[in-house]
Amino acid sequence: MKDFSIKKLYYSISEVSKITEVEQYVLRYWESEFEQLKPQKNRSGNRAYTNKDIQLILVIKVLLRDKKFTIEGAKKMLAEKGVEELSAVEHPAESPEQKSVKETKAETVQSKQGFGKSELVELKKILEEIARFI
């Protein structure tokens, strides 16, 4: 889980939106759906999010977007397990199958580009030699 405690005590909705990569209107909607997400408001009525609010938002984001829970399912998970227990959900350990899939995708991209790192290093050496003669 990301640790923001050193930086600031309170964050604006625009800062939280950038940190969590969740649109502001979605954050406001989630406030209406998840009773645990109730950021304080300052004198002028602007939301003031704490580090715990950000942690909760990240857990909700993982449940809804990565784990494909419905809003009701995410509410139930939060009620049953709590934010602290679900925080481990954000960065689960990769299984060997997931690593293999990533490596295969990387190889596919590399083959489509036509050059791997070793080929580029060799090409650079050739171009440097040619440049000496020019």
N, C-alpha and C. Protein backbone atom coordinates (compact mmCIF):
# COMPACT_ATOMS: atom_id res chain seq x y z
N MET A 1 0.84 -1.17 0.00
CA MET A 1 0.00 0.00 0.00
C MET A 1 0.89 1.23 0.00
N LYS A 2 0.49 2.24 -0.73
CA LYS A 2 1.26 3.48 -0.79
C LYS A 2 1.22 4.17 0.56
N ASP A 3 2.34 4.80 0.93
CA ASP A 3 2.40 5.51 2.19
C ASP A 3 2.52 7.00 1.91
N PHE A 4 1.49 7.76 2.27
CA PHE A 4 1.48 9.20 2.03
C PHE A 4 1.66 9.98 3.31
N SER A 5 1.85 9.32 4.44
CA SER A 5 1.85 9.98 5.74
C SER A 5 2.94 11.02 5.89
N ILE A 6 4.03 10.89 5.17
CA ILE A 6 5.13 11.83 5.31
C ILE A 6 4.83 13.14 4.59
N LYS A 7 4.14 13.08 3.50
CA LYS A 7 3.92 14.27 2.67
C LYS A 7 2.97 15.28 3.29
N LYS A 8 1.72 14.90 3.51
CA LYS A 8 0.70 15.83 3.96
C LYS A 8 -0.31 15.15 4.87
N LEU A 9 -0.99 15.98 5.65
CA LEU A 9 -2.07 15.45 6.48
C LEU A 9 -3.37 15.37 5.70
N TYR A 10 -3.61 16.36 4.84
CA TYR A 10 -4.86 16.43 4.09
C TYR A 10 -4.58 16.68 2.62
N TYR A 11 -5.42 16.09 1.78
CA TYR A 11 -5.29 16.23 0.33
C TYR A 11 -6.61 16.73 -0.25
N SER A 12 -6.53 17.54 -1.29
CA SER A 12 -7.73 17.99 -1.99
C SER A 12 -8.22 16.88 -2.91
N ILE A 13 -9.42 17.03 -3.42
CA ILE A 13 -9.98 16.01 -4.31
C ILE A 13 -9.16 15.90 -5.59
N SER A 14 -8.62 17.01 -6.07
CA SER A 14 -7.81 16.95 -7.29
C SER A 14 -6.50 16.20 -7.04
N GLU A 15 -5.90 16.39 -5.87
CA GLU A 15 -4.67 15.66 -5.54
C GLU A 15 -4.96 14.17 -5.39
N VAL A 16 -6.05 13.84 -4.74
CA VAL A 16 -6.42 12.44 -4.55
C VAL A 16 -6.73 11.79 -5.89
N SER A 17 -7.36 12.54 -6.77
CA SER A 17 -7.66 12.02 -8.11
C SER A 17 -6.38 11.67 -8.85
N LYS A 18 -5.37 12.51 -8.75
CA LYS A 18 -4.09 12.24 -9.42
C LYS A 18 -3.37 11.06 -8.77
N ILE A 19 -3.36 11.02 -7.44
CA ILE A 19 -2.66 9.96 -6.71
C ILE A 19 -3.27 8.60 -7.01
N THR A 20 -4.59 8.53 -6.97
CA THR A 20 -5.28 7.24 -7.12
C THR A 20 -5.64 6.90 -8.55
N GLU A 21 -5.51 7.88 -9.45
CA GLU A 21 -5.90 7.71 -10.84
C GLU A 21 -7.38 7.35 -10.96
N VAL A 22 -8.19 8.02 -10.15
CA VAL A 22 -9.64 7.88 -10.18
C VAL A 22 -10.22 9.26 -10.41
N GLU A 23 -11.15 9.38 -11.34
CA GLU A 23 -11.72 10.68 -11.68
C GLU A 23 -12.45 11.27 -10.48
N GLN A 24 -12.48 12.61 -10.42
CA GLN A 24 -13.10 13.30 -9.29
C GLN A 24 -14.58 12.96 -9.15
N TYR A 25 -15.29 12.89 -10.26
CA TYR A 25 -16.72 12.58 -10.17
C TYR A 25 -16.95 11.17 -9.63
N VAL A 26 -16.01 10.26 -9.91
CA VAL A 26 -16.12 8.89 -9.40
C VAL A 26 -15.88 8.90 -7.89
N LEU A 27 -14.91 9.69 -7.43
CA LEU A 27 -14.66 9.80 -5.99
C LEU A 27 -15.89 10.32 -5.27
N ARG A 28 -16.54 11.33 -5.83
CA ARG A 28 -17.75 11.88 -5.20
C ARG A 28 -18.87 10.82 -5.18
N TYR A 29 -18.98 10.06 -6.27
CA TYR A 29 -19.99 8.99 -6.32
C TYR A 29 -19.70 7.92 -5.27
N TRP A 30 -18.43 7.51 -5.17
CA TRP A 30 -18.08 6.50 -4.19
C TRP A 30 -18.40 6.96 -2.77
N GLU A 31 -18.28 8.25 -2.50
CA GLU A 31 -18.65 8.77 -1.18
C GLU A 31 -20.12 8.49 -0.88
N SER A 32 -20.95 8.58 -1.90
CA SER A 32 -22.38 8.35 -1.68
C SER A 32 -22.69 6.85 -1.53
N GLU A 33 -21.84 6.00 -2.05
CA GLU A 33 -22.08 4.55 -2.02
C GLU A 33 -21.42 3.84 -0.83
N PHE A 34 -20.23 4.28 -0.44
CA PHE A 34 -19.47 3.61 0.61
C PHE A 34 -19.48 4.46 1.87
N GLU A 35 -20.15 3.95 2.91
CA GLU A 35 -20.29 4.72 4.14
C GLU A 35 -18.96 4.98 4.83
N GLN A 36 -17.95 4.12 4.58
CA GLN A 36 -16.64 4.31 5.20
C GLN A 36 -15.89 5.51 4.60
N LEU A 37 -16.24 5.90 3.40
CA LEU A 37 -15.54 6.98 2.71
C LEU A 37 -16.29 8.30 2.94
N LYS A 38 -15.89 9.00 3.98
CA LYS A 38 -16.50 10.28 4.32
C LYS A 38 -15.38 11.28 4.63
N PRO A 39 -14.78 11.89 3.61
CA PRO A 39 -13.72 12.86 3.89
C PRO A 39 -14.27 14.08 4.62
N GLN A 40 -13.44 14.66 5.44
CA GLN A 40 -13.83 15.88 6.13
C GLN A 40 -13.97 17.00 5.11
N LYS A 41 -14.64 18.05 5.52
CA LYS A 41 -14.72 19.23 4.66
C LYS A 41 -14.17 20.41 5.43
N ASN A 42 -13.43 21.27 4.72
CA ASN A 42 -12.87 22.44 5.38
C ASN A 42 -13.91 23.54 5.47
N ARG A 43 -13.52 24.70 5.96
CA ARG A 43 -14.46 25.81 6.15
C ARG A 43 -15.21 26.20 4.89
N SER A 44 -14.51 26.14 3.78
CA SER A 44 -15.15 26.54 2.52
C SER A 44 -15.92 25.39 1.87
N GLY A 45 -15.97 24.24 2.52
CA GLY A 45 -16.76 23.12 2.02
C GLY A 45 -16.02 22.19 1.09
N ASN A 46 -14.72 22.40 0.92
CA ASN A 46 -13.92 21.52 0.06
C ASN A 46 -13.55 20.25 0.82
N ARG A 47 -13.50 19.15 0.11
CA ARG A 47 -13.15 17.88 0.73
C ARG A 47 -11.69 17.88 1.14
N ALA A 48 -11.41 17.30 2.30
CA ALA A 48 -10.05 17.17 2.81
C ALA A 48 -9.82 15.69 3.12
N TYR A 49 -9.14 15.00 2.22
CA TYR A 49 -8.91 13.56 2.34
C TYR A 49 -7.67 13.29 3.20
N THR A 50 -7.75 12.26 4.02
CA THR A 50 -6.61 11.83 4.83
C THR A 50 -5.93 10.65 4.14
N ASN A 51 -4.82 10.23 4.72
CA ASN A 51 -4.12 9.06 4.19
C ASN A 51 -5.00 7.81 4.27
N LYS A 52 -5.79 7.70 5.33
CA LYS A 52 -6.70 6.55 5.46
C LYS A 52 -7.76 6.58 4.37
N ASP A 53 -8.25 7.77 4.02
CA ASP A 53 -9.23 7.89 2.94
C ASP A 53 -8.61 7.42 1.62
N ILE A 54 -7.37 7.81 1.38
CA ILE A 54 -6.69 7.41 0.15
C ILE A 54 -6.50 5.90 0.11
N GLN A 55 -6.13 5.34 1.24
CA GLN A 55 -5.97 3.88 1.32
C GLN A 55 -7.29 3.18 1.01
N LEU A 56 -8.37 3.69 1.56
CA LEU A 56 -9.70 3.12 1.31
C LEU A 56 -10.06 3.23 -0.17
N ILE A 57 -9.78 4.37 -0.76
CA ILE A 57 -10.08 4.58 -2.19
C ILE A 57 -9.31 3.57 -3.04
N LEU A 58 -8.04 3.36 -2.70
CA LEU A 58 -7.24 2.40 -3.47
C LEU A 58 -7.80 0.98 -3.33
N VAL A 59 -8.28 0.63 -2.14
CA VAL A 59 -8.87 -0.70 -1.95
C VAL A 59 -10.16 -0.82 -2.77
N ILE A 60 -11.00 0.22 -2.70
CA ILE A 60 -12.25 0.21 -3.47
C ILE A 60 -11.94 0.10 -4.96
N LYS A 61 -10.93 0.84 -5.41
CA LYS A 61 -10.55 0.81 -6.83
C LYS A 61 -10.16 -0.61 -7.25
N VAL A 62 -9.35 -1.28 -6.43
CA VAL A 62 -8.93 -2.64 -6.76
C VAL A 62 -10.13 -3.58 -6.79
N LEU A 63 -11.00 -3.46 -5.80
CA LEU A 63 -12.16 -4.36 -5.74
C LEU A 63 -13.06 -4.17 -6.97
N LEU A 64 -13.32 -2.91 -7.32
CA LEU A 64 -14.25 -2.65 -8.41
C LEU A 64 -13.63 -2.85 -9.79
N ARG A 65 -12.44 -2.35 -9.98
CA ARG A 65 -11.86 -2.34 -11.33
C ARG A 65 -10.99 -3.56 -11.63
N ASP A 66 -10.20 -3.99 -10.66
CA ASP A 66 -9.31 -5.13 -10.92
C ASP A 66 -9.98 -6.47 -10.62
N LYS A 67 -10.64 -6.54 -9.47
CA LYS A 67 -11.28 -7.80 -9.07
C LYS A 67 -12.69 -7.94 -9.62
N LYS A 68 -13.21 -6.88 -10.24
CA LYS A 68 -14.52 -6.89 -10.92
C LYS A 68 -15.70 -7.15 -9.98
N PHE A 69 -15.60 -6.66 -8.73
CA PHE A 69 -16.72 -6.76 -7.82
C PHE A 69 -17.78 -5.74 -8.23
N THR A 70 -19.03 -6.04 -7.90
CA THR A 70 -20.07 -5.03 -8.02
C THR A 70 -19.92 -4.09 -6.83
N ILE A 71 -20.63 -2.98 -6.86
CA ILE A 71 -20.58 -2.05 -5.72
C ILE A 71 -21.09 -2.75 -4.47
N GLU A 72 -22.17 -3.49 -4.60
CA GLU A 72 -22.71 -4.23 -3.45
C GLU A 72 -21.72 -5.26 -2.93
N GLY A 73 -21.04 -5.95 -3.84
CA GLY A 73 -20.05 -6.95 -3.44
C GLY A 73 -18.87 -6.30 -2.74
N ALA A 74 -18.43 -5.14 -3.25
CA ALA A 74 -17.32 -4.43 -2.62
C ALA A 74 -17.71 -3.93 -1.23
N LYS A 75 -18.95 -3.44 -1.09
CA LYS A 75 -19.44 -3.01 0.23
C LYS A 75 -19.40 -4.18 1.21
N LYS A 76 -19.85 -5.33 0.75
CA LYS A 76 -19.89 -6.51 1.60
C LYS A 76 -18.48 -6.93 2.02
N MET A 77 -17.55 -6.91 1.08
CA MET A 77 -16.15 -7.26 1.39
C MET A 77 -15.56 -6.30 2.41
N LEU A 78 -15.81 -5.01 2.23
CA LEU A 78 -15.29 -4.01 3.16
C LEU A 78 -15.89 -4.20 4.55
N ALA A 79 -17.17 -4.51 4.61
CA ALA A 79 -17.83 -4.73 5.89
C ALA A 79 -17.29 -5.97 6.58
N GLU A 80 -17.04 -7.03 5.82
CA GLU A 80 -16.59 -8.30 6.39
C GLU A 80 -15.12 -8.25 6.80
N LYS A 81 -14.28 -7.73 5.91
CA LYS A 81 -12.83 -7.84 6.14
C LYS A 81 -12.17 -6.56 6.60
N GLY A 82 -12.70 -5.42 6.24
CA GLY A 82 -12.09 -4.16 6.64
C GLY A 82 -10.98 -3.74 5.68
N VAL A 83 -10.63 -2.47 5.76
CA VAL A 83 -9.65 -1.89 4.84
C VAL A 83 -8.26 -2.48 5.05
N GLU A 84 -7.87 -2.64 6.32
CA GLU A 84 -6.52 -3.12 6.60
C GLU A 84 -6.26 -4.49 5.99
N GLU A 85 -7.22 -5.39 6.16
CA GLU A 85 -7.06 -6.74 5.63
C GLU A 85 -7.08 -6.74 4.10
N LEU A 86 -7.90 -5.87 3.52
CA LEU A 86 -8.02 -5.83 2.06
C LEU A 86 -6.90 -5.04 1.40
N SER A 87 -6.12 -4.31 2.17
CA SER A 87 -5.03 -3.52 1.60
C SER A 87 -4.02 -4.41 0.88
N ALA A 88 -3.90 -5.63 1.31
CA ALA A 88 -2.99 -6.57 0.66
C ALA A 88 -3.48 -6.93 -0.73
N VAL A 89 -4.75 -6.65 -1.03
CA VAL A 89 -5.33 -6.96 -2.33
C VAL A 89 -4.72 -6.10 -3.42
N GLU A 90 -4.27 -4.87 -3.06
CA GLU A 90 -3.80 -3.94 -4.08
C GLU A 90 -2.58 -4.48 -4.84
N HIS A 91 -1.64 -5.08 -4.13
CA HIS A 91 -0.44 -5.60 -4.77
C HIS A 91 -0.24 -7.07 -4.44
N PRO A 92 -1.10 -7.92 -4.95
CA PRO A 92 -0.93 -9.34 -4.65
C PRO A 92 0.34 -9.87 -5.30
N ALA A 93 0.90 -10.89 -4.69
CA ALA A 93 2.10 -11.51 -5.25
C ALA A 93 1.74 -12.17 -6.59
N GLU A 94 2.64 -12.02 -7.56
CA GLU A 94 2.38 -12.60 -8.88
C GLU A 94 2.64 -14.10 -8.85
N SER A 95 1.76 -14.81 -9.47
CA SER A 95 1.96 -16.25 -9.60
C SER A 95 2.93 -16.48 -10.77
N PRO A 96 3.55 -17.65 -10.82
CA PRO A 96 4.44 -17.95 -11.95
C PRO A 96 3.73 -17.84 -13.30
N GLU A 97 2.44 -18.19 -13.33
CA GLU A 97 1.69 -18.09 -14.58
C GLU A 97 1.58 -16.64 -15.04
N GLN A 98 1.33 -15.72 -14.07
CA GLN A 98 1.21 -14.30 -14.41
C GLN A 98 2.54 -13.77 -14.93
N LYS A 99 3.65 -14.16 -14.29
CA LYS A 99 4.97 -13.73 -14.75
C LYS A 99 5.23 -14.25 -16.15
N SER A 100 4.86 -15.51 -16.40
CA SER A 100 5.07 -16.11 -17.71
C SER A 100 4.28 -15.36 -18.78
N VAL A 101 3.04 -14.99 -18.46
CA VAL A 101 2.22 -14.25 -19.42
C VAL A 101 2.85 -12.90 -19.72
N LYS A 102 3.37 -12.20 -18.68
CA LYS A 102 4.03 -10.91 -18.90
C LYS A 102 5.26 -11.07 -19.77
N GLU A 103 6.07 -12.10 -19.51
CA GLU A 103 7.27 -12.33 -20.31
C GLU A 103 6.90 -12.62 -21.76
N THR A 104 5.85 -13.41 -21.97
CA THR A 104 5.41 -13.73 -23.32
C THR A 104 4.94 -12.47 -24.04
N LYS A 105 4.20 -11.61 -23.35
CA LYS A 105 3.76 -10.35 -23.95
C LYS A 105 4.95 -9.49 -24.32
N ALA A 106 5.95 -9.43 -23.44
CA ALA A 106 7.14 -8.63 -23.72
C ALA A 106 7.88 -9.16 -24.95
N GLU A 107 7.97 -10.47 -25.06
CA GLU A 107 8.63 -11.08 -26.22
C GLU A 107 7.85 -10.79 -27.49
N THR A 108 6.54 -10.83 -27.41
CA THR A 108 5.69 -10.55 -28.57
C THR A 108 5.90 -9.11 -29.04
N VAL A 109 5.91 -8.17 -28.10
CA VAL A 109 6.13 -6.77 -28.45
C VAL A 109 7.50 -6.61 -29.08
N GLN A 110 8.49 -7.25 -28.48
CA GLN A 110 9.85 -7.16 -29.01
C GLN A 110 9.93 -7.72 -30.42
N SER A 111 9.29 -8.84 -30.70
CA SER A 111 9.35 -9.43 -32.02
C SER A 111 8.60 -8.56 -33.04
N LYS A 112 7.54 -7.90 -32.62
CA LYS A 112 6.81 -7.02 -33.53
C LYS A 112 7.63 -5.78 -33.87
N GLN A 113 8.44 -5.32 -32.91
CA GLN A 113 9.27 -4.15 -33.14
C GLN A 113 10.45 -4.51 -34.05
N GLY A 114 10.81 -5.77 -34.08
CA GLY A 114 11.86 -6.21 -34.99
C GLY A 114 13.24 -6.28 -34.37
N PHE A 115 13.50 -5.54 -33.33
CA PHE A 115 14.82 -5.52 -32.73
C PHE A 115 14.74 -5.76 -31.23
N GLY A 116 15.63 -6.63 -30.75
CA GLY A 116 15.79 -6.81 -29.31
C GLY A 116 16.94 -5.94 -28.86
N LYS A 117 17.25 -5.96 -27.59
CA LYS A 117 18.31 -5.12 -27.05
C LYS A 117 19.66 -5.46 -27.68
N SER A 118 19.95 -6.75 -27.82
CA SER A 118 21.26 -7.14 -28.37
C SER A 118 21.41 -6.66 -29.81
N GLU A 119 20.32 -6.73 -30.58
CA GLU A 119 20.38 -6.26 -31.96
C GLU A 119 20.59 -4.76 -32.02
N LEU A 120 19.94 -4.03 -31.11
CA LEU A 120 20.11 -2.57 -31.09
C LEU A 120 21.53 -2.18 -30.70
N VAL A 121 22.12 -2.89 -29.75
CA VAL A 121 23.51 -2.62 -29.35
C VAL A 121 24.43 -2.85 -30.54
N GLU A 122 24.22 -3.95 -31.26
CA GLU A 122 25.03 -4.25 -32.44
C GLU A 122 24.86 -3.19 -33.51
N LEU A 123 23.63 -2.78 -33.75
CA LEU A 123 23.34 -1.74 -34.74
C LEU A 123 24.00 -0.43 -34.36
N LYS A 124 24.01 -0.11 -33.09
CA LYS A 124 24.66 1.12 -32.61
C LYS A 124 26.15 1.08 -32.91
N LYS A 125 26.79 -0.06 -32.66
CA LYS A 125 28.23 -0.20 -32.94
C LYS A 125 28.52 0.01 -34.42
N ILE A 126 27.69 -0.58 -35.27
CA ILE A 126 27.87 -0.43 -36.72
C ILE A 126 27.73 1.02 -37.15
N LEU A 127 26.70 1.69 -36.62
CA LEU A 127 26.49 3.10 -36.96
C LEU A 127 27.62 3.99 -36.47
N GLU A 128 28.17 3.67 -35.29
CA GLU A 128 29.31 4.44 -34.78
C GLU A 128 30.53 4.27 -35.68
N GLU A 129 30.76 3.04 -36.18
CA GLU A 129 31.87 2.81 -37.10
C GLU A 129 31.69 3.58 -38.39
N ILE A 130 30.47 3.58 -38.93
CA ILE A 130 30.18 4.31 -40.16
C ILE A 130 30.39 5.80 -39.94
N ALA A 131 29.97 6.30 -38.77
CA ALA A 131 30.09 7.73 -38.47
C ALA A 131 31.55 8.17 -38.42
N ARG A 132 32.45 7.30 -38.07
CA ARG A 132 33.89 7.65 -38.03
C ARG A 132 34.42 7.96 -39.43
N PHE A 133 33.88 7.33 -40.45
CA PHE A 133 34.35 7.52 -41.81
C PHE A 133 33.70 8.75 -42.48
N ILE A 134 32.70 9.28 -41.91
CA ILE A 134 31.99 10.40 -42.56
C ILE A 134 32.59 11.72 -42.14
